[in-house]
Amino acid sequence: MEETLIVKGKIISDQACISDKNMIHELEQKGFGDVENEQLFLKQFETLYLLYSNRLILNKGKKQIDFDNFMNTCQKTDYDILTKFLIYRDLRNRGYVVKDGFGFGSDFRVYERGHFGEKGAKFLIFGLNEGQQEKMGNLQKKIEEITQMGKEPIIAVIERRGEVIYYKINKINFNKNKSRLEESFEL
């Protein structure tokens, strides 16, 4: 999307909606939103990204909604919206087309650069905050389901400073621990 392109939208049922046909076409080509009844509806993280990059003027009635205001509204219904936004912004800034994930605990489908609309998503990304605990069994299940779909699972970890680090994951095998009662340890 060109830096000078400014989109005008309005909030309908807590979602940003774009009505201008030219803008709909432009955004859709870039992988933003979903068209429904000749209007483009943006996901919350897409709306936040466009507000953050000053490419969206968003109104609710006559009131203009800014990034902070919309983030506060989103956090009331989605505890993980800041994590999703940080990952989404980072991937978009790296030139990837990013869409909402489809289950398996994945937050995003990510398309190879230049292949959006031609091929399916290559990567499924799920985000974790640094220090967040995740059960290994859950992680293993997600990875197995994603690889069975022919996609590459990637964990995006948000560091405390807000930097996103990506880890490409392959199959994990865990052997069950066998406790040995005869062993004793001195402390």
N, C-alpha and C. Protein backbone atom coordinates (compact mmCIF):
# COMPACT_ATOMS: atom_id res chain seq x y z
N MET A 1 0.84 -1.17 0.00
CA MET A 1 0.00 0.00 0.00
C MET A 1 0.89 1.24 0.00
N GLU A 2 0.52 2.22 -0.77
CA GLU A 2 1.29 3.45 -0.84
C GLU A 2 1.18 4.19 0.48
N GLU A 3 2.26 4.84 0.86
CA GLU A 3 2.28 5.57 2.12
C GLU A 3 1.26 6.70 2.13
N THR A 4 0.95 7.29 0.97
CA THR A 4 0.06 8.44 0.92
C THR A 4 -1.42 8.06 0.94
N LEU A 5 -1.72 6.78 0.72
CA LEU A 5 -3.10 6.34 0.68
C LEU A 5 -3.74 6.43 2.07
N ILE A 6 -4.78 7.22 2.17
CA ILE A 6 -5.52 7.35 3.43
C ILE A 6 -6.92 6.80 3.21
N VAL A 7 -7.31 5.89 4.08
CA VAL A 7 -8.60 5.22 3.98
C VAL A 7 -9.54 5.81 5.01
N LYS A 8 -10.80 5.97 4.63
CA LYS A 8 -11.81 6.45 5.58
C LYS A 8 -12.73 5.29 5.91
N GLY A 9 -12.98 5.12 7.20
CA GLY A 9 -13.84 4.02 7.63
C GLY A 9 -14.72 4.45 8.78
N LYS A 10 -15.69 3.59 9.08
CA LYS A 10 -16.56 3.84 10.22
C LYS A 10 -16.70 2.55 11.00
N ILE A 11 -17.02 2.69 12.27
CA ILE A 11 -17.18 1.51 13.12
C ILE A 11 -18.62 1.02 13.04
N ILE A 12 -18.76 -0.27 12.72
CA ILE A 12 -20.06 -0.93 12.73
C ILE A 12 -19.88 -2.19 13.59
N SER A 13 -20.61 -2.28 14.67
CA SER A 13 -20.51 -3.43 15.59
C SER A 13 -19.07 -3.73 16.00
N ASP A 14 -18.37 -2.73 16.45
CA ASP A 14 -16.97 -2.84 16.92
C ASP A 14 -15.99 -3.31 15.84
N GLN A 15 -16.36 -3.19 14.57
CA GLN A 15 -15.45 -3.52 13.47
C GLN A 15 -15.34 -2.32 12.55
N ALA A 16 -14.15 -2.08 12.03
CA ALA A 16 -13.97 -1.01 11.05
C ALA A 16 -14.53 -1.47 9.72
N CYS A 17 -15.28 -0.59 9.08
CA CYS A 17 -15.94 -0.90 7.82
C CYS A 17 -15.56 0.16 6.80
N ILE A 18 -15.15 -0.30 5.60
CA ILE A 18 -14.79 0.60 4.51
C ILE A 18 -15.86 0.45 3.43
N SER A 19 -16.41 1.58 2.97
CA SER A 19 -17.48 1.54 1.98
C SER A 19 -17.05 1.98 0.58
N ASP A 20 -15.99 2.79 0.49
CA ASP A 20 -15.53 3.31 -0.80
C ASP A 20 -15.01 2.16 -1.66
N LYS A 21 -15.61 1.97 -2.85
CA LYS A 21 -15.28 0.83 -3.71
C LYS A 21 -13.80 0.81 -4.13
N ASN A 22 -13.23 1.99 -4.43
CA ASN A 22 -11.81 2.05 -4.81
C ASN A 22 -10.90 1.62 -3.66
N MET A 23 -11.26 2.09 -2.47
CA MET A 23 -10.47 1.74 -1.29
C MET A 23 -10.62 0.24 -0.97
N ILE A 24 -11.82 -0.28 -1.13
CA ILE A 24 -12.06 -1.71 -0.90
C ILE A 24 -11.15 -2.52 -1.81
N HIS A 25 -11.14 -2.18 -3.08
CA HIS A 25 -10.32 -2.91 -4.05
C HIS A 25 -8.84 -2.83 -3.68
N GLU A 26 -8.38 -1.64 -3.37
CA GLU A 26 -6.97 -1.41 -3.02
C GLU A 26 -6.56 -2.23 -1.80
N LEU A 27 -7.38 -2.17 -0.75
CA LEU A 27 -7.07 -2.90 0.49
C LEU A 27 -7.16 -4.41 0.30
N GLU A 28 -8.18 -4.85 -0.43
CA GLU A 28 -8.36 -6.28 -0.67
C GLU A 28 -7.17 -6.87 -1.43
N GLN A 29 -6.65 -6.12 -2.40
CA GLN A 29 -5.48 -6.56 -3.18
C GLN A 29 -4.25 -6.73 -2.28
N LYS A 30 -4.21 -5.95 -1.21
CA LYS A 30 -3.08 -6.00 -0.28
C LYS A 30 -3.31 -6.99 0.86
N GLY A 31 -4.44 -7.69 0.83
CA GLY A 31 -4.70 -8.73 1.82
C GLY A 31 -5.39 -8.25 3.09
N PHE A 32 -5.98 -7.06 3.04
CA PHE A 32 -6.67 -6.54 4.22
C PHE A 32 -8.16 -6.92 4.19
N GLY A 33 -8.70 -7.28 5.33
CA GLY A 33 -10.14 -7.41 5.53
C GLY A 33 -10.84 -8.50 4.75
N ASP A 34 -12.16 -8.52 4.93
CA ASP A 34 -13.06 -9.46 4.25
C ASP A 34 -14.24 -8.68 3.71
N VAL A 35 -14.58 -8.93 2.44
CA VAL A 35 -15.70 -8.23 1.81
C VAL A 35 -17.00 -8.95 2.14
N GLU A 36 -17.98 -8.15 2.54
CA GLU A 36 -19.30 -8.66 2.86
C GLU A 36 -20.31 -7.56 2.50
N ASN A 37 -21.29 -7.91 1.68
CA ASN A 37 -22.31 -6.93 1.24
C ASN A 37 -21.68 -5.66 0.67
N GLU A 38 -20.70 -5.83 -0.21
CA GLU A 38 -20.01 -4.73 -0.90
C GLU A 38 -19.33 -3.74 0.05
N GLN A 39 -18.99 -4.21 1.25
CA GLN A 39 -18.23 -3.42 2.20
C GLN A 39 -17.07 -4.27 2.67
N LEU A 40 -15.98 -3.61 3.05
CA LEU A 40 -14.80 -4.32 3.55
C LEU A 40 -14.77 -4.16 5.07
N PHE A 41 -14.76 -5.30 5.76
CA PHE A 41 -14.67 -5.29 7.21
C PHE A 41 -13.26 -5.71 7.61
N LEU A 42 -12.63 -4.87 8.45
CA LEU A 42 -11.26 -5.13 8.90
C LEU A 42 -11.28 -5.84 10.24
N LYS A 43 -10.32 -6.74 10.44
CA LYS A 43 -10.12 -7.35 11.75
C LYS A 43 -9.56 -6.27 12.67
N GLN A 44 -9.68 -6.49 13.98
CA GLN A 44 -9.20 -5.48 14.93
C GLN A 44 -7.71 -5.18 14.76
N PHE A 45 -6.88 -6.21 14.55
CA PHE A 45 -5.43 -5.98 14.42
C PHE A 45 -5.12 -5.24 13.13
N GLU A 46 -5.93 -5.45 12.07
CA GLU A 46 -5.73 -4.72 10.81
C GLU A 46 -6.08 -3.24 11.01
N THR A 47 -7.17 -3.00 11.71
CA THR A 47 -7.60 -1.64 12.02
C THR A 47 -6.52 -0.93 12.83
N LEU A 48 -6.02 -1.60 13.86
CA LEU A 48 -4.97 -1.00 14.69
C LEU A 48 -3.72 -0.68 13.86
N TYR A 49 -3.35 -1.58 12.97
CA TYR A 49 -2.18 -1.35 12.12
C TYR A 49 -2.37 -0.12 11.24
N LEU A 50 -3.53 -0.01 10.61
CA LEU A 50 -3.78 1.13 9.72
C LEU A 50 -3.89 2.44 10.51
N LEU A 51 -4.46 2.38 11.72
CA LEU A 51 -4.51 3.57 12.58
C LEU A 51 -3.09 3.96 13.01
N TYR A 52 -2.31 2.97 13.43
CA TYR A 52 -0.95 3.19 13.90
C TYR A 52 -0.09 3.84 12.81
N SER A 53 -0.26 3.38 11.57
CA SER A 53 0.55 3.90 10.47
C SER A 53 -0.10 5.11 9.79
N ASN A 54 -1.09 5.69 10.46
CA ASN A 54 -1.77 6.91 9.97
C ASN A 54 -2.34 6.77 8.57
N ARG A 55 -2.88 5.57 8.26
CA ARG A 55 -3.47 5.34 6.95
C ARG A 55 -4.98 5.12 7.02
N LEU A 56 -5.54 5.29 8.22
CA LEU A 56 -6.98 5.12 8.40
C LEU A 56 -7.53 6.24 9.25
N ILE A 57 -8.59 6.86 8.73
CA ILE A 57 -9.37 7.81 9.53
C ILE A 57 -10.64 7.07 9.89
N LEU A 58 -10.81 6.82 11.18
CA LEU A 58 -11.91 5.99 11.65
C LEU A 58 -12.87 6.81 12.48
N ASN A 59 -14.15 6.71 12.15
CA ASN A 59 -15.18 7.44 12.88
C ASN A 59 -16.21 6.50 13.47
N LYS A 60 -16.69 6.89 14.64
CA LYS A 60 -17.83 6.22 15.27
C LYS A 60 -18.84 7.34 15.48
N GLY A 61 -19.86 7.35 14.61
CA GLY A 61 -20.76 8.49 14.58
C GLY A 61 -20.00 9.69 14.09
N LYS A 62 -20.01 10.77 14.86
CA LYS A 62 -19.27 11.98 14.45
C LYS A 62 -17.90 12.06 15.12
N LYS A 63 -17.63 11.12 16.01
CA LYS A 63 -16.37 11.14 16.76
C LYS A 63 -15.28 10.36 16.03
N GLN A 64 -14.10 10.98 15.91
CA GLN A 64 -12.97 10.29 15.30
C GLN A 64 -12.28 9.43 16.36
N ILE A 65 -11.98 8.18 15.99
CA ILE A 65 -11.36 7.22 16.90
C ILE A 65 -9.88 7.11 16.55
N ASP A 66 -9.01 7.29 17.57
CA ASP A 66 -7.57 7.16 17.31
C ASP A 66 -7.07 5.79 17.77
N PHE A 67 -5.78 5.55 17.57
CA PHE A 67 -5.18 4.26 17.88
C PHE A 67 -5.41 3.86 19.34
N ASP A 68 -5.06 4.76 20.27
CA ASP A 68 -5.18 4.44 21.71
C ASP A 68 -6.62 4.13 22.10
N ASN A 69 -7.54 4.93 21.58
CA ASN A 69 -8.96 4.73 21.88
C ASN A 69 -9.43 3.37 21.38
N PHE A 70 -9.05 3.02 20.15
CA PHE A 70 -9.48 1.74 19.58
C PHE A 70 -8.80 0.57 20.30
N MET A 71 -7.53 0.73 20.67
CA MET A 71 -6.81 -0.33 21.41
C MET A 71 -7.52 -0.59 22.74
N ASN A 72 -7.89 0.48 23.45
CA ASN A 72 -8.60 0.31 24.72
C ASN A 72 -9.91 -0.44 24.54
N THR A 73 -10.63 -0.12 23.48
CA THR A 73 -11.90 -0.81 23.19
C THR A 73 -11.64 -2.29 22.91
N CYS A 74 -10.62 -2.58 22.12
CA CYS A 74 -10.30 -3.97 21.76
C CYS A 74 -9.88 -4.80 22.97
N GLN A 75 -9.12 -4.19 23.88
CA GLN A 75 -8.61 -4.93 25.03
C GLN A 75 -9.71 -5.37 25.98
N LYS A 76 -10.86 -4.76 25.89
CA LYS A 76 -12.00 -5.17 26.73
C LYS A 76 -12.55 -6.53 26.32
N THR A 77 -12.40 -6.87 25.04
CA THR A 77 -12.94 -8.14 24.55
C THR A 77 -11.87 -9.14 24.14
N ASP A 78 -10.64 -8.68 23.90
CA ASP A 78 -9.55 -9.57 23.48
C ASP A 78 -8.29 -9.24 24.27
N TYR A 79 -8.03 -10.06 25.28
CA TYR A 79 -6.88 -9.86 26.16
C TYR A 79 -5.56 -9.87 25.38
N ASP A 80 -5.49 -10.63 24.29
CA ASP A 80 -4.25 -10.80 23.52
C ASP A 80 -4.11 -9.83 22.35
N ILE A 81 -4.94 -8.80 22.26
CA ILE A 81 -4.93 -7.93 21.08
C ILE A 81 -3.59 -7.20 20.91
N LEU A 82 -2.94 -6.80 21.99
CA LEU A 82 -1.66 -6.10 21.86
C LEU A 82 -0.61 -7.05 21.26
N THR A 83 -0.57 -8.29 21.73
CA THR A 83 0.35 -9.29 21.18
C THR A 83 0.08 -9.49 19.69
N LYS A 84 -1.19 -9.65 19.34
CA LYS A 84 -1.56 -9.86 17.93
C LYS A 84 -1.15 -8.65 17.09
N PHE A 85 -1.41 -7.45 17.61
CA PHE A 85 -1.05 -6.24 16.87
C PHE A 85 0.46 -6.16 16.64
N LEU A 86 1.26 -6.43 17.68
CA LEU A 86 2.71 -6.33 17.54
C LEU A 86 3.25 -7.31 16.50
N ILE A 87 2.72 -8.53 16.51
CA ILE A 87 3.15 -9.53 15.52
C ILE A 87 2.69 -9.12 14.13
N TYR A 88 1.43 -8.71 14.02
CA TYR A 88 0.87 -8.31 12.73
C TYR A 88 1.67 -7.14 12.14
N ARG A 89 1.92 -6.14 12.96
CA ARG A 89 2.67 -4.96 12.49
C ARG A 89 4.07 -5.36 12.02
N ASP A 90 4.73 -6.22 12.78
CA ASP A 90 6.08 -6.65 12.43
C ASP A 90 6.09 -7.40 11.10
N LEU A 91 5.16 -8.32 10.93
CA LEU A 91 5.09 -9.10 9.68
C LEU A 91 4.75 -8.21 8.48
N ARG A 92 3.78 -7.30 8.65
CA ARG A 92 3.42 -6.37 7.56
C ARG A 92 4.60 -5.49 7.19
N ASN A 93 5.31 -5.00 8.20
CA ASN A 93 6.47 -4.15 7.94
C ASN A 93 7.59 -4.90 7.22
N ARG A 94 7.61 -6.23 7.36
CA ARG A 94 8.58 -7.06 6.66
C ARG A 94 8.10 -7.44 5.26
N GLY A 95 6.90 -6.98 4.89
CA GLY A 95 6.40 -7.19 3.54
C GLY A 95 5.53 -8.42 3.33
N TYR A 96 5.08 -9.05 4.41
CA TYR A 96 4.22 -10.23 4.29
C TYR A 96 2.75 -9.84 4.29
N VAL A 97 1.93 -10.65 3.60
CA VAL A 97 0.48 -10.53 3.71
C VAL A 97 0.08 -11.47 4.83
N VAL A 98 -0.72 -10.94 5.75
CA VAL A 98 -1.07 -11.67 6.97
C VAL A 98 -2.58 -11.69 7.11
N LYS A 99 -3.12 -12.88 7.33
CA LYS A 99 -4.57 -13.03 7.54
C LYS A 99 -4.80 -13.73 8.87
N ASP A 100 -6.01 -13.65 9.35
CA ASP A 100 -6.42 -14.30 10.59
C ASP A 100 -6.13 -15.79 10.51
N GLY A 101 -5.70 -16.38 11.63
CA GLY A 101 -5.45 -17.82 11.68
C GLY A 101 -6.76 -18.59 11.62
N PHE A 102 -6.66 -19.90 11.37
CA PHE A 102 -7.89 -20.69 11.35
C PHE A 102 -7.76 -21.89 12.27
N GLY A 103 -7.86 -21.62 13.55
CA GLY A 103 -7.84 -22.70 14.52
C GLY A 103 -6.45 -23.16 14.88
N PHE A 104 -6.37 -24.30 15.54
CA PHE A 104 -5.13 -24.90 16.03
C PHE A 104 -4.38 -23.95 16.94
N GLY A 105 -5.04 -22.95 17.47
CA GLY A 105 -4.37 -21.99 18.32
C GLY A 105 -3.49 -21.02 17.56
N SER A 106 -3.55 -21.06 16.22
CA SER A 106 -2.71 -20.15 15.44
C SER A 106 -3.38 -18.79 15.35
N ASP A 107 -2.58 -17.76 15.46
CA ASP A 107 -3.10 -16.40 15.40
C ASP A 107 -3.18 -15.90 13.96
N PHE A 108 -2.22 -16.33 13.12
CA PHE A 108 -2.13 -15.78 11.77
C PHE A 108 -1.74 -16.82 10.72
N ARG A 109 -2.27 -16.60 9.51
CA ARG A 109 -1.78 -17.28 8.31
C ARG A 109 -0.89 -16.26 7.61
N VAL A 110 0.29 -16.69 7.20
CA VAL A 110 1.22 -15.77 6.56
C VAL A 110 1.58 -16.32 5.19
N TYR A 111 1.46 -15.46 4.19
CA TYR A 111 1.72 -15.83 2.79
C TYR A 111 3.13 -15.41 2.42
N GLU A 112 3.77 -16.25 1.58
CA GLU A 112 5.09 -15.88 1.08
C GLU A 112 4.96 -14.56 0.31
N ARG A 113 6.00 -13.76 0.34
CA ARG A 113 5.98 -12.48 -0.36
C ARG A 113 5.67 -12.70 -1.84
N GLY A 114 4.70 -11.95 -2.35
CA GLY A 114 4.36 -12.02 -3.76
C GLY A 114 3.43 -13.16 -4.15
N HIS A 115 2.99 -13.98 -3.18
CA HIS A 115 2.16 -15.14 -3.51
C HIS A 115 0.74 -15.05 -2.97
N PHE A 116 0.36 -13.92 -2.37
CA PHE A 116 -1.00 -13.80 -1.85
C PHE A 116 -1.98 -13.83 -3.02
N GLY A 117 -3.01 -14.63 -2.88
CA GLY A 117 -4.01 -14.76 -3.94
C GLY A 117 -3.67 -15.84 -4.95
N GLU A 118 -2.41 -16.29 -4.96
CA GLU A 118 -1.98 -17.34 -5.89
C GLU A 118 -1.88 -18.69 -5.19
N LYS A 119 -1.30 -18.68 -4.01
CA LYS A 119 -1.08 -19.90 -3.23
C LYS A 119 -1.68 -19.71 -1.84
N GLY A 120 -1.89 -20.83 -1.16
CA GLY A 120 -2.33 -20.76 0.23
C GLY A 120 -1.20 -20.25 1.12
N ALA A 121 -1.54 -20.00 2.36
CA ALA A 121 -0.54 -19.53 3.31
C ALA A 121 0.53 -20.60 3.52
N LYS A 122 1.77 -20.16 3.63
CA LYS A 122 2.87 -21.10 3.86
C LYS A 122 3.10 -21.33 5.35
N PHE A 123 2.88 -20.29 6.15
CA PHE A 123 3.19 -20.35 7.57
C PHE A 123 1.93 -20.15 8.41
N LEU A 124 1.90 -20.82 9.55
CA LEU A 124 0.89 -20.53 10.58
C LEU A 124 1.66 -20.09 11.81
N ILE A 125 1.32 -18.92 12.29
CA ILE A 125 2.07 -18.32 13.39
C ILE A 125 1.19 -18.21 14.62
N PHE A 126 1.74 -18.60 15.76
CA PHE A 126 1.04 -18.32 17.01
C PHE A 126 1.98 -17.56 17.92
N GLY A 127 1.40 -16.60 18.63
CA GLY A 127 2.20 -15.69 19.43
C GLY A 127 2.20 -16.05 20.90
N LEU A 128 3.32 -15.77 21.52
CA LEU A 128 3.49 -15.93 22.96
C LEU A 128 4.22 -14.69 23.47
N ASN A 129 3.88 -14.28 24.68
CA ASN A 129 4.63 -13.22 25.31
C ASN A 129 5.78 -13.83 26.09
N GLU A 130 6.92 -13.13 26.14
CA GLU A 130 8.06 -13.62 26.90
C GLU A 130 7.62 -13.88 28.33
N GLY A 131 7.97 -15.05 28.85
CA GLY A 131 7.59 -15.41 30.21
C GLY A 131 6.25 -16.13 30.31
N GLN A 132 5.48 -16.13 29.23
CA GLN A 132 4.19 -16.81 29.22
C GLN A 132 4.40 -18.32 29.24
N GLN A 133 3.63 -19.01 30.04
CA GLN A 133 3.78 -20.46 30.10
C GLN A 133 2.84 -21.14 29.11
N GLU A 134 3.35 -22.16 28.48
CA GLU A 134 2.57 -22.95 27.52
C GLU A 134 2.87 -24.41 27.80
N LYS A 135 1.85 -25.22 27.92
CA LYS A 135 2.06 -26.65 28.17
C LYS A 135 2.65 -27.29 26.92
N MET A 136 3.67 -28.10 27.11
CA MET A 136 4.36 -28.72 25.97
C MET A 136 3.42 -29.63 25.17
N GLY A 137 2.50 -30.29 25.84
CA GLY A 137 1.54 -31.16 25.14
C GLY A 137 0.68 -30.36 24.18
N ASN A 138 0.24 -29.17 24.62
CA ASN A 138 -0.56 -28.29 23.74
C ASN A 138 0.26 -27.84 22.55
N LEU A 139 1.50 -27.45 22.84
CA LEU A 139 2.40 -26.98 21.78
C LEU A 139 2.66 -28.10 20.76
N GLN A 140 2.92 -29.29 21.25
CA GLN A 140 3.17 -30.43 20.37
C GLN A 140 1.96 -30.73 19.50
N LYS A 141 0.77 -30.66 20.08
CA LYS A 141 -0.46 -30.93 19.33
C LYS A 141 -0.65 -29.89 18.21
N LYS A 142 -0.44 -28.62 18.54
CA LYS A 142 -0.56 -27.55 17.54
C LYS A 142 0.41 -27.79 16.38
N ILE A 143 1.65 -28.12 16.73
CA ILE A 143 2.69 -28.32 15.72
C ILE A 143 2.34 -29.49 14.80
N GLU A 144 1.89 -30.58 15.40
CA GLU A 144 1.51 -31.75 14.59
C GLU A 144 0.36 -31.43 13.64
N GLU A 145 -0.67 -30.73 14.15
CA GLU A 145 -1.82 -30.39 13.30
C GLU A 145 -1.42 -29.47 12.16
N ILE A 146 -0.57 -28.51 12.45
CA ILE A 146 -0.13 -27.55 11.43
C ILE A 146 0.72 -28.23 10.36
N THR A 147 1.66 -29.10 10.79
CA THR A 147 2.51 -29.77 9.80
C THR A 147 1.72 -30.77 8.97
N GLN A 148 0.69 -31.38 9.54
CA GLN A 148 -0.16 -32.29 8.77
C GLN A 148 -0.90 -31.55 7.65
N MET A 149 -1.12 -30.25 7.84
CA MET A 149 -1.77 -29.43 6.81
C MET A 149 -0.78 -28.98 5.73
N GLY A 150 0.49 -29.31 5.91
CA GLY A 150 1.50 -28.89 4.94
C GLY A 150 1.97 -27.46 5.16
N LYS A 151 1.71 -26.92 6.33
CA LYS A 151 2.14 -25.55 6.65
C LYS A 151 3.33 -25.61 7.60
N GLU A 152 4.05 -24.50 7.68
CA GLU A 152 5.19 -24.42 8.59
C GLU A 152 4.77 -23.68 9.86
N PRO A 153 4.84 -24.36 11.03
CA PRO A 153 4.49 -23.68 12.28
C PRO A 153 5.62 -22.78 12.75
N ILE A 154 5.26 -21.60 13.18
CA ILE A 154 6.24 -20.64 13.69
C ILE A 154 5.69 -20.03 14.97
N ILE A 155 6.55 -19.95 15.97
CA ILE A 155 6.18 -19.28 17.22
C ILE A 155 6.78 -17.88 17.16
N ALA A 156 5.94 -16.89 17.43
CA ALA A 156 6.41 -15.51 17.52
C ALA A 156 6.40 -15.13 19.00
N VAL A 157 7.56 -14.82 19.53
CA VAL A 157 7.67 -14.45 20.94
C VAL A 157 7.88 -12.94 21.03
N ILE A 158 7.04 -12.31 21.83
CA ILE A 158 7.16 -10.87 22.05
C ILE A 158 8.04 -10.67 23.28
N GLU A 159 9.19 -10.05 23.08
CA GLU A 159 10.07 -9.75 24.20
C GLU A 159 9.48 -8.59 25.01
N ARG A 160 9.98 -8.43 26.20
CA ARG A 160 9.46 -7.36 27.08
C ARG A 160 9.58 -5.97 26.46
N ARG A 161 10.57 -5.78 25.57
CA ARG A 161 10.75 -4.48 24.91
C ARG A 161 9.81 -4.31 23.72
N GLY A 162 9.03 -5.35 23.41
CA GLY A 162 8.10 -5.27 22.28
C GLY A 162 8.65 -5.81 20.97
N GLU A 163 9.91 -6.28 21.00
CA GLU A 163 10.51 -6.86 19.79
C GLU A 163 9.95 -8.26 19.56
N VAL A 164 9.75 -8.62 18.29
CA VAL A 164 9.20 -9.93 17.95
C VAL A 164 10.32 -10.83 17.44
N ILE A 165 10.46 -12.01 18.05
CA ILE A 165 11.45 -13.00 17.64
C ILE A 165 10.68 -14.21 17.14
N TYR A 166 11.08 -14.73 15.97
CA TYR A 166 10.38 -15.86 15.36
C TYR A 166 11.20 -17.14 15.49
N TYR A 167 10.50 -18.21 15.85
CA TYR A 167 11.13 -19.53 15.96
C TYR A 167 10.39 -20.49 15.05
N LYS A 168 11.11 -21.04 14.08
CA LYS A 168 10.55 -22.04 13.20
C LYS A 168 10.61 -23.37 13.94
N ILE A 169 9.50 -24.07 13.96
CA ILE A 169 9.39 -25.27 14.77
C ILE A 169 9.26 -26.49 13.88
N ASN A 170 9.96 -27.54 14.24
CA ASN A 170 9.80 -28.83 13.60
C ASN A 170 9.16 -29.78 14.60
N LYS A 171 8.98 -31.01 14.18
CA LYS A 171 8.33 -31.99 15.05
C LYS A 171 9.10 -32.14 16.35
N ILE A 172 8.33 -32.27 17.43
CA ILE A 172 8.92 -32.44 18.75
C ILE A 172 8.57 -33.84 19.24
N ASN A 173 9.55 -34.53 19.77
CA ASN A 173 9.28 -35.83 20.41
C ASN A 173 9.70 -35.73 21.87
N PHE A 174 8.80 -36.07 22.75
CA PHE A 174 9.11 -36.09 24.17
C PHE A 174 8.98 -37.52 24.66
N ASN A 175 9.97 -37.96 25.37
CA ASN A 175 9.89 -39.27 26.00
C ASN A 175 9.38 -39.08 27.42
N LYS A 176 8.53 -39.98 27.86
CA LYS A 176 8.00 -39.86 29.22
C LYS A 176 9.12 -40.09 30.22
N ASN A 177 9.10 -39.27 31.25
CA ASN A 177 10.09 -39.44 32.31
C ASN A 177 9.71 -40.67 33.13
N LYS A 178 10.71 -41.49 33.41
CA LYS A 178 10.46 -42.65 34.26
C LYS A 178 11.09 -42.35 35.61
N SER A 179 10.26 -42.29 36.60
CA SER A 179 10.80 -41.98 37.92
C SER A 179 11.46 -43.21 38.52
N ARG A 180 12.58 -42.98 39.10
CA ARG A 180 13.32 -44.08 39.75
C ARG A 180 13.28 -43.83 41.25
N LEU A 181 12.51 -44.64 41.89
CA LEU A 181 12.36 -44.47 43.33
C LEU A 181 13.65 -44.79 44.08
N GLU A 182 14.48 -45.64 43.47
CA GLU A 182 15.70 -46.04 44.19
C GLU A 182 16.76 -44.94 44.19
N GLU A 183 16.62 -43.96 43.32
CA GLU A 183 17.61 -42.88 43.29
C GLU A 183 17.35 -41.92 44.43
N SER A 184 18.40 -41.43 45.02
CA SER A 184 18.24 -40.42 46.04
C SER A 184 19.19 -39.28 45.71
N PHE A 185 18.79 -38.13 46.08
CA PHE A 185 19.59 -36.95 45.80
C PHE A 185 19.93 -36.24 47.10
N GLU A 186 21.13 -35.76 47.21
CA GLU A 186 21.51 -34.96 48.38
C GLU A 186 21.41 -33.50 47.99
N LEU A 187 20.84 -32.72 48.87
CA LEU A 187 20.69 -31.28 48.61
C LEU A 187 21.69 -30.50 49.39
